[in-house]
Amino acid sequence: MFASDRDSERATSIEDYQNTCTEFIHDLSRDYLDWVERYQLPKNEQDQRNKEIDDIVRKTNDWIFGFGNTIRKIDIIMNDGINKMAETTAGYPFQIDVSSSNQKRYIIHEKKSIKLNLRSFPRQQRQVRICNYDKDNVFLISSSNKIDVKYSKTSFDPSDLLDEFIVINLNQSDDEEVISITIKVEELENEVVKESRGYTTLLITR
């Protein structure tokens, strides 16, 4: 038997679903690698993106087996990996970093409030700001249990440098939390949006 989950009818066991999802991540990565090749980037840039996609596949699949003890958690980790591969394929024309406790992209954290430090630097003569992920959501968030997210509204004002904290407050469950959050940042020139990119982070709290 395995942990109860409303989507568990999709698999006969956790192990089967882990295998299905890790194989899917591996297969899908080939499509993203093909897209990188189509961009006809300089060789060093193409090699870097390919390496990052391969690293995402390895890390995502390791975390599916390491922390995916319910269907819900496996889905969160898998979809997080898909988002990261898409972001890496598109690349980052301006700098975005999200970190906590000197960790990036994949973060293991104590089971307490999490302070994510968002730092973004625009290119010359431009500014940056947080923007809504879509018309209904500030961030794209998937979590194994209910969470609460706090952020400063000033982050939505254009700035020469973004250096903000986004705080994730957890519920009181004793279970490990699995959380994926995508933060979207815009780059502007003369108040006109020129580029926007999402940055996805996976968190495990223990």
C-alpha atoms as a PDB file:
ATOM      1  CA  MET A   1       0.000   0.000   0.000  1.00  0.00           C
ATOM      2  CA  PHE A   2       1.025   3.638  -0.399  1.00  0.00           C
ATOM      3  CA  ALA A   3      -0.007   7.017   0.915  1.00  0.00           C
ATOM      4  CA  SER A   4      -3.591   7.986   0.182  1.00  0.00           C
ATOM      5  CA  ASP A   5      -4.073  10.611  -2.512  1.00  0.00           C
ATOM      6  CA  ARG A   6      -7.119  11.628  -4.524  1.00  0.00           C
ATOM      7  CA  ASP A   7      -5.189  11.044  -7.765  1.00  0.00           C
ATOM      8  CA  SER A   8      -3.836   7.655  -6.756  1.00  0.00           C
ATOM      9  CA  GLU A   9      -6.095   5.840  -9.218  1.00  0.00           C
ATOM     10  CA  ARG A  10      -3.584   6.786 -11.898  1.00  0.00           C
ATOM     11  CA  ALA A  11      -1.055   4.292 -10.551  1.00  0.00           C
ATOM     12  CA  THR A  12      -1.055   0.852  -8.988  1.00  0.00           C
ATOM     13  CA  SER A  13       1.787   1.767  -6.627  1.00  0.00           C
ATOM     14  CA  ILE A  14       3.979   4.703  -5.724  1.00  0.00           C
ATOM     15  CA  GLU A  15       6.941   2.889  -7.261  1.00  0.00           C
ATOM     16  CA  ASP A  16       5.115   2.472 -10.580  1.00  0.00           C
ATOM     17  CA  TYR A  17       4.187   6.143 -10.664  1.00  0.00           C
ATOM     18  CA  GLN A  18       7.716   7.215  -9.758  1.00  0.00           C
ATOM     19  CA  ASN A  19       9.066   5.148 -12.647  1.00  0.00           C
ATOM     20  CA  THR A  20       6.443   6.476 -15.067  1.00  0.00           C
ATOM     21  CA  CYS A  21       7.156  10.099 -14.180  1.00  0.00           C
ATOM     22  CA  THR A  22      10.947   9.818 -14.219  1.00  0.00           C
ATOM     23  CA  GLU A  23      10.793   8.172 -17.631  1.00  0.00           C
ATOM     24  CA  PHE A  24       8.494  10.963 -18.830  1.00  0.00           C
ATOM     25  CA  ILE A  25      10.930  13.635 -17.600  1.00  0.00           C
ATOM     26  CA  HIS A  26      13.803  11.907 -19.375  1.00  0.00           C
ATOM     27  CA  ASP A  27      11.850  11.556 -22.635  1.00  0.00           C
ATOM     28  CA  LEU A  28      10.552  15.133 -22.535  1.00  0.00           C
ATOM     29  CA  SER A  29      14.049  16.501 -22.012  1.00  0.00           C
ATOM     30  CA  ARG A  30      14.935  15.368 -25.537  1.00  0.00           C
ATOM     31  CA  ASP A  31      12.331  17.769 -26.931  1.00  0.00           C
ATOM     32  CA  TYR A  32      13.836  20.654 -24.967  1.00  0.00           C
ATOM     33  CA  LEU A  33      17.343  19.727 -26.101  1.00  0.00           C
ATOM     34  CA  ASP A  34      16.065  19.745 -29.696  1.00  0.00           C
ATOM     35  CA  TRP A  35      14.649  23.236 -29.166  1.00  0.00           C
ATOM     36  CA  VAL A  36      17.985  24.467 -27.843  1.00  0.00           C
ATOM     37  CA  GLU A  37      19.640  23.147 -31.000  1.00  0.00           C
ATOM     38  CA  ARG A  38      17.080  24.930 -33.190  1.00  0.00           C
ATOM     39  CA  TYR A  39      17.977  28.272 -31.601  1.00  0.00           C
ATOM     40  CA  GLN A  40      21.432  27.990 -33.236  1.00  0.00           C
ATOM     41  CA  LEU A  41      23.146  29.562 -30.242  1.00  0.00           C
ATOM     42  CA  PRO A  42      26.895  29.987 -29.894  1.00  0.00           C
ATOM     43  CA  LYS A  43      28.382  26.616 -28.970  1.00  0.00           C
ATOM     44  CA  ASN A  44      29.303  27.566 -25.412  1.00  0.00           C
ATOM     45  CA  GLU A  45      25.753  28.802 -24.738  1.00  0.00           C
ATOM     46  CA  GLN A  46      24.188  25.712 -26.309  1.00  0.00           C
ATOM     47  CA  ASP A  47      26.456  23.433 -24.291  1.00  0.00           C
ATOM     48  CA  GLN A  48      25.593  25.312 -21.087  1.00  0.00           C
ATOM     49  CA  ARG A  49      21.833  25.029 -21.624  1.00  0.00           C
ATOM     50  CA  ASN A  50      22.142  21.352 -22.545  1.00  0.00           C
ATOM     51  CA  LYS A  51      24.126  20.696 -19.372  1.00  0.00           C
ATOM     52  CA  GLU A  52      21.567  22.544 -17.253  1.00  0.00           C
ATOM     53  CA  ILE A  53      18.699  20.520 -18.775  1.00  0.00           C
ATOM     54  CA  ASP A  54      20.579  17.281 -18.086  1.00  0.00           C
ATOM     55  CA  ASP A  55      21.160  18.432 -14.496  1.00  0.00           C
ATOM     56  CA  ILE A  56      17.447  19.212 -14.103  1.00  0.00           C
ATOM     57  CA  VAL A  57      16.517  15.723 -15.306  1.00  0.00           C
ATOM     58  CA  ARG A  58      18.943  14.104 -12.864  1.00  0.00           C
ATOM     59  CA  LYS A  59      17.959  16.237  -9.876  1.00  0.00           C
ATOM     60  CA  THR A  60      14.215  16.084 -10.554  1.00  0.00           C
ATOM     61  CA  ASN A  61      14.264  12.308 -10.850  1.00  0.00           C
ATOM     62  CA  ASP A  62      16.415  11.959  -7.730  1.00  0.00           C
ATOM     63  CA  TRP A  63      13.886  14.034  -5.790  1.00  0.00           C
ATOM     64  CA  ILE A  64      10.924  12.086  -7.181  1.00  0.00           C
ATOM     65  CA  PHE A  65      12.452   8.908  -5.725  1.00  0.00           C
ATOM     66  CA  GLY A  66      13.732  10.633  -2.593  1.00  0.00           C
ATOM     67  CA  PHE A  67      10.708  12.701  -1.583  1.00  0.00           C
ATOM     68  CA  GLY A  68       7.791  11.587  -3.770  1.00  0.00           C
ATOM     69  CA  ASN A  69       5.891   9.372  -1.314  1.00  0.00           C
ATOM     70  CA  THR A  70       2.439  10.434  -2.572  1.00  0.00           C
ATOM     71  CA  ILE A  71       1.005  10.983  -6.046  1.00  0.00           C
ATOM     72  CA  ARG A  72       0.543  14.665  -5.226  1.00  0.00           C
ATOM     73  CA  LYS A  73       4.186  15.155  -4.277  1.00  0.00           C
ATOM     74  CA  ILE A  74       5.432  13.290  -7.346  1.00  0.00           C
ATOM     75  CA  ASP A  75       3.268  15.490  -9.574  1.00  0.00           C
ATOM     76  CA  ILE A  76       4.623  18.670  -7.959  1.00  0.00           C
ATOM     77  CA  ILE A  77       8.249  17.569  -8.406  1.00  0.00           C
ATOM     78  CA  MET A  78       7.668  16.393 -11.974  1.00  0.00           C
ATOM     79  CA  ASN A  79       5.890  19.585 -13.071  1.00  0.00           C
ATOM     80  CA  ASP A  80       8.560  21.670 -11.350  1.00  0.00           C
ATOM     81  CA  GLY A  81      11.164  19.910 -13.475  1.00  0.00           C
ATOM     82  CA  ILE A  82       9.170  20.561 -16.638  1.00  0.00           C
ATOM     83  CA  ASN A  83       8.956  24.270 -15.790  1.00  0.00           C
ATOM     84  CA  LYS A  84      12.691  24.415 -15.125  1.00  0.00           C
ATOM     85  CA  MET A  85      13.506  22.734 -18.460  1.00  0.00           C
ATOM     86  CA  ALA A  86      11.296  25.228 -20.302  1.00  0.00           C
ATOM     87  CA  GLU A  87      12.935  28.172 -18.496  1.00  0.00           C
ATOM     88  CA  THR A  88      16.421  26.879 -19.243  1.00  0.00           C
ATOM     89  CA  THR A  89      15.563  26.304 -22.902  1.00  0.00           C
ATOM     90  CA  ALA A  90      14.388  29.919 -23.231  1.00  0.00           C
ATOM     91  CA  GLY A  91      17.386  31.231 -21.289  1.00  0.00           C
ATOM     92  CA  TYR A  92      17.693  34.360 -19.169  1.00  0.00           C
ATOM     93  CA  PRO A  93      18.544  37.576 -21.039  1.00  0.00           C
ATOM     94  CA  PHE A  94      18.788  39.367 -17.683  1.00  0.00           C
ATOM     95  CA  GLN A  95      19.826  38.015 -14.303  1.00  0.00           C
ATOM     96  CA  ILE A  96      17.355  36.398 -11.881  1.00  0.00           C
ATOM     97  CA  ASP A  97      18.319  34.474  -8.744  1.00  0.00           C
ATOM     98  CA  VAL A  98      16.149  33.038  -5.992  1.00  0.00           C
ATOM     99  CA  SER A  99      17.875  31.543  -2.970  1.00  0.00           C
ATOM    100  CA  SER A 100      17.446  30.491   0.636  1.00  0.00           C
ATOM    101  CA  SER A 101      20.146  29.285   3.035  1.00  0.00           C
ATOM    102  CA  ASN A 102      22.725  29.461   0.220  1.00  0.00           C
ATOM    103  CA  GLN A 103      20.673  27.054  -1.918  1.00  0.00           C
ATOM    104  CA  LYS A 104      19.133  27.693  -5.334  1.00  0.00           C
ATOM    105  CA  ARG A 105      16.569  25.928  -7.518  1.00  0.00           C
ATOM    106  CA  TYR A 106      16.347  22.872  -5.218  1.00  0.00           C
ATOM    107  CA  ILE A 107      16.135  23.799  -1.546  1.00  0.00           C
ATOM    108  CA  ILE A 108      15.897  21.630   1.576  1.00  0.00           C
ATOM    109  CA  HIS A 109      14.717  23.713   4.527  1.00  0.00           C
ATOM    110  CA  GLU A 110      13.752  23.323   8.141  1.00  0.00           C
ATOM    111  CA  LYS A 111      10.025  23.029   8.726  1.00  0.00           C
ATOM    112  CA  LYS A 112       9.486  26.680   9.525  1.00  0.00           C
ATOM    113  CA  SER A 113       8.838  29.891   7.593  1.00  0.00           C
ATOM    114  CA  ILE A 114      10.975  30.137   4.461  1.00  0.00           C
ATOM    115  CA  LYS A 115      12.543  33.420   3.327  1.00  0.00           C
ATOM    116  CA  LEU A 116      13.276  33.345  -0.379  1.00  0.00           C
ATOM    117  CA  ASN A 117      15.655  36.091  -1.490  1.00  0.00           C
ATOM    118  CA  LEU A 118      14.818  37.297  -5.003  1.00  0.00           C
ATOM    119  CA  ARG A 119      17.584  39.246  -6.727  1.00  0.00           C
ATOM    120  CA  SER A 120      17.312  40.502 -10.296  1.00  0.00           C
ATOM    121  CA  PHE A 121      19.557  42.804 -12.301  1.00  0.00           C
ATOM    122  CA  PRO A 122      18.407  44.398 -15.577  1.00  0.00           C
ATOM    123  CA  ARG A 123      20.579  45.132 -18.548  1.00  0.00           C
ATOM    124  CA  GLN A 124      21.922  48.634 -19.107  1.00  0.00           C
ATOM    125  CA  GLN A 125      19.332  51.418 -19.314  1.00  0.00           C
ATOM    126  CA  ARG A 126      16.557  49.078 -18.139  1.00  0.00           C
ATOM    127  CA  GLN A 127      14.664  48.280 -14.958  1.00  0.00           C
ATOM    128  CA  VAL A 128      13.081  45.190 -13.422  1.00  0.00           C
ATOM    129  CA  ARG A 129      10.018  44.365 -11.352  1.00  0.00           C
ATOM    130  CA  ILE A 130       7.965  41.381 -10.241  1.00  0.00           C
ATOM    131  CA  CYS A 131       4.858  40.793 -12.342  1.00  0.00           C
ATOM    132  CA  ASN A 132       1.858  38.509 -11.978  1.00  0.00           C
ATOM    133  CA  TYR A 133       2.399  34.983 -13.261  1.00  0.00           C
ATOM    134  CA  ASP A 134      -0.986  35.181 -14.991  1.00  0.00           C
ATOM    135  CA  LYS A 135      -4.202  37.172 -14.685  1.00  0.00           C
ATOM    136  CA  ASP A 136      -5.321  35.189 -11.633  1.00  0.00           C
ATOM    137  CA  ASN A 137      -2.077  34.498  -9.749  1.00  0.00           C
ATOM    138  CA  VAL A 138       0.871  36.506  -8.493  1.00  0.00           C
ATOM    139  CA  PHE A 139       2.998  33.336  -8.373  1.00  0.00           C
ATOM    140  CA  LEU A 140       2.588  29.855  -9.795  1.00  0.00           C
ATOM    141  CA  ILE A 141       2.465  27.686  -6.671  1.00  0.00           C
ATOM    142  CA  SER A 142       1.931  23.969  -6.101  1.00  0.00           C
ATOM    143  CA  SER A 143       2.201  22.545  -2.603  1.00  0.00           C
ATOM    144  CA  SER A 144       1.455  19.286  -0.840  1.00  0.00           C
ATOM    145  CA  ASN A 145      -0.317  21.197   1.948  1.00  0.00           C
ATOM    146  CA  LYS A 146      -1.788  24.663   2.293  1.00  0.00           C
ATOM    147  CA  ILE A 147       0.761  27.484   2.533  1.00  0.00           C
ATOM    148  CA  ASP A 148       0.640  31.260   2.851  1.00  0.00           C
ATOM    149  CA  VAL A 149       2.909  33.581   0.848  1.00  0.00           C
ATOM    150  CA  LYS A 150       3.864  37.133   1.857  1.00  0.00           C
ATOM    151  CA  TYR A 151       5.580  39.678  -0.375  1.00  0.00           C
ATOM    152  CA  SER A 152       6.123  43.405  -0.658  1.00  0.00           C
ATOM    153  CA  LYS A 153       3.929  45.310  -3.090  1.00  0.00           C
ATOM    154  CA  THR A 154       6.872  47.601  -3.784  1.00  0.00           C
ATOM    155  CA  SER A 155       8.408  44.655  -5.691  1.00  0.00           C
ATOM    156  CA  PHE A 156       5.947  45.496  -8.469  1.00  0.00           C
ATOM    157  CA  ASP A 157       7.467  48.950  -8.943  1.00  0.00           C
ATOM    158  CA  PRO A 158      10.194  49.278 -11.612  1.00  0.00           C
ATOM    159  CA  SER A 159      13.645  49.378 -10.053  1.00  0.00           C
ATOM    160  CA  ASP A 160      17.306  49.354 -11.010  1.00  0.00           C
ATOM    161  CA  LEU A 161      17.753  46.331  -8.730  1.00  0.00           C
ATOM    162  CA  LEU A 162      15.344  43.823  -7.225  1.00  0.00           C
ATOM    163  CA  ASP A 163      16.475  42.568  -3.818  1.00  0.00           C
ATOM    164  CA  GLU A 164      13.344  41.356  -2.070  1.00  0.00           C
ATOM    165  CA  PHE A 165      12.206  38.626   0.296  1.00  0.00           C
ATOM    166  CA  ILE A 166       9.224  36.386  -0.369  1.00  0.00           C
ATOM    167  CA  VAL A 167       8.127  34.571   2.786  1.00  0.00           C
ATOM    168  CA  ILE A 168       6.382  31.203   2.711  1.00  0.00           C
ATOM    169  CA  ASN A 169       4.518  30.291   5.902  1.00  0.00           C
ATOM    170  CA  LEU A 170       3.710  26.610   6.407  1.00  0.00           C
ATOM    171  CA  ASN A 171       0.819  24.868   8.099  1.00  0.00           C
ATOM    172  CA  GLN A 172       1.308  22.795  11.243  1.00  0.00           C
ATOM    173  CA  SER A 173       1.388  19.376   9.589  1.00  0.00           C
ATOM    174  CA  ASP A 174       4.150  16.993  10.713  1.00  0.00           C
ATOM    175  CA  ASP A 175       4.487  15.692   7.152  1.00  0.00           C
ATOM    176  CA  GLU A 176       7.304  16.799   4.852  1.00  0.00           C
ATOM    177  CA  GLU A 177       6.156  19.658   2.643  1.00  0.00           C
ATOM    178  CA  VAL A 178       6.852  19.748  -1.084  1.00  0.00           C
ATOM    179  CA  ILE A 179       6.457  23.199  -2.647  1.00  0.00           C
ATOM    180  CA  SER A 180       7.124  24.524  -6.134  1.00  0.00           C
ATOM    181  CA  ILE A 181       6.982  28.272  -6.728  1.00  0.00           C
ATOM    182  CA  THR A 182       7.544  30.189  -9.946  1.00  0.00           C
ATOM    183  CA  ILE A 183       8.309  33.896  -9.623  1.00  0.00           C
ATOM    184  CA  LYS A 184       8.014  35.999 -12.782  1.00  0.00           C
ATOM    185  CA  VAL A 185      10.102  39.105 -13.400  1.00  0.00           C
ATOM    186  CA  GLU A 186       9.800  41.730 -16.141  1.00  0.00           C
ATOM    187  CA  GLU A 187      12.545  43.830 -17.682  1.00  0.00           C
ATOM    188  CA  LEU A 188      11.463  47.294 -18.850  1.00  0.00           C
ATOM    189  CA  GLU A 189      12.902  50.056 -20.972  1.00  0.00           C
ATOM    190  CA  ASN A 190      11.255  53.495 -20.768  1.00  0.00           C
ATOM    191  CA  GLU A 191       8.367  51.853 -18.860  1.00  0.00           C
ATOM    192  CA  VAL A 192       7.749  49.389 -21.714  1.00  0.00           C
ATOM    193  CA  VAL A 193       8.096  45.661 -20.977  1.00  0.00           C
ATOM    194  CA  LYS A 194      10.828  44.176 -23.172  1.00  0.00           C
ATOM    195  CA  GLU A 195      11.337  40.727 -21.620  1.00  0.00           C
ATOM    196  CA  SER A 196       9.786  38.572 -18.916  1.00  0.00           C
ATOM    197  CA  ARG A 197      11.024  35.325 -17.412  1.00  0.00           C
ATOM    198  CA  GLY A 198       9.895  32.894 -14.746  1.00  0.00           C
ATOM    199  CA  TYR A 199      12.203  31.343 -12.180  1.00  0.00           C
ATOM    200  CA  THR A 200      11.023  28.093 -10.581  1.00  0.00           C
ATOM    201  CA  THR A 201      12.189  26.829  -7.194  1.00  0.00           C
ATOM    202  CA  LEU A 202      11.449  23.479  -5.536  1.00  0.00           C
ATOM    203  CA  LEU A 203      11.445  23.284  -1.743  1.00  0.00           C
ATOM    204  CA  ILE A 204      11.339  20.374   0.683  1.00  0.00           C
ATOM    205  CA  THR A 205      10.736  21.105   4.366  1.00  0.00           C
ATOM    206  CA  ARG A 206      11.713  18.493   6.932  1.00  0.00           C
END
